[in-house]
Amino acid sequence: MTSHDRATPRRAAVIDLDAFRHNVRTLAALAAPSETMLAVKANAYGHGMVPIAYAALEAGAGSLAVLDIPAALALRDAGITAPIFAWMHDVGSDFGAAAEADIDLGISGVWQLDAIARAGAPRAPRVHLKIDTGLSRNGATADDWPDLVRTALDYDARGIVRLHAAWSHLADASPDDDAESLQRLRAAVEVAEGLGARFERLHLAASSAGIREPEARLDLVRFGIAAYGISPFDDVDGRGLGLRPVMTLKAPVVSVKRVEAGHGVSYGLTYRTDSDSTLALVPLGYADGIPRIATDHGTVWIRGRRYPIAGRIAMDQFVVDVGDAEVAVGDEVVVFGEGDRGEPTAEEWAGYAQTIGDEIVARVGHRVDRLYVGARPAGLPEEFRLERP
């Protein structure tokens, strides 16, 4: 949890750990007998990596996924002993520290294996070889794959790495594209096995395919955004998938003023009041993750009703036109939440901003406190306090 001077307005992202556990259990049951790897990259999609990691493992995840080695080491420093997978590396990545901390490493090129060898760590890390099956990000091409496999086998025989898995990532473009990617992965595995490789795990699916494409689940599913209660699909929301939103973003009203009809609001005066109206100021802006593109589209929840954002969203604040409603300084403003009371959800905000729910929650900034509610995960370090918002 972050800590700020309490003289400043309290911007808060309330993280419901019980809702998160429900989602992990739901997804793990769906994927079974495939294992569940829970993605906690990008500070757990903005929810706070360490508390979420503990809750994920408590709810049935067998392993965790982060982007890079520093994040994996941070989890180890926080007391996490479960398998952790990291796959984005550059030439300065500390492969020695990763090996000593028993971090599983996604490997896309021979240079990464060579860097592990040069690090000379006393412990051989488990490596997951990645084949590019069409997403065109990292991962070896079909032409480079045999050399990657041969090098991994050589280093495995010499005790420098432990060859553990083959994997890839889907583009989620269409069922046909995903099916083709699955076939490319199987073809790559066949090539690797012809060279002598034996993989303990194969993995391909993330949230989308993990839910709707059973044939892509293989040995484990890397669930990400769905675990945070947000649907990976356009045709159904998280609730429709049996999931619960985990984050509620809120802040207090810090100023209220009555203005006349025709009064301009915020930069550019693109918004003018239709009649005499009350304006409420909220201390959240695009520096806190409120997407500026949602200007004139977004709504928020105050005192049991939705109200529109009036005028351009600024760096630190936005204005709400509440008309003739009674609103006072200190009233709670819910930007998005579970939706049970009628408040907007993160998925609705994704619509306002012409983006995806992943971005809405992941972009919530560091000035916003994370407040954790629900049952405390066993073993969670004491510095992470659960408190009633």
Foldseek 3Di string as FASTA:
>chain_A
DDDDDPVDWAWAKEFELVLLLQLLLLLQVLLPPAAEEEECELCQLQQHRQQSVLSNVVSGHQHYEYAADVVVVVNVVQPDLGAYEYEDDDPPGQLQVCQVSQHEYEDAAVVVVVVLVVNVHPGAHEYEAEDELDPPDGHYYPVRLVVNLVSVVVCCVVRSHPHAHYEYEAPPPDPVSRVSSVVVSVVSVVSSVVVPDDHNFYAYAEQPCSNVPSVRCGRYYHYGPLSQQADPDDPDGSVVVVHFHGIWIKTWFADKDWDAFQDFDDPPSPFTHRGTWMKTKTFAAVLQQQDQLLAVPFWKDWPLDIWHWTGTGDHTITMTTPGPDDDDTGTMIIRAHRCPSPGHHLQVSCVSNVHGSSSRSSSRHPSHHYAYDDDRRPSRDPVRDHDDD
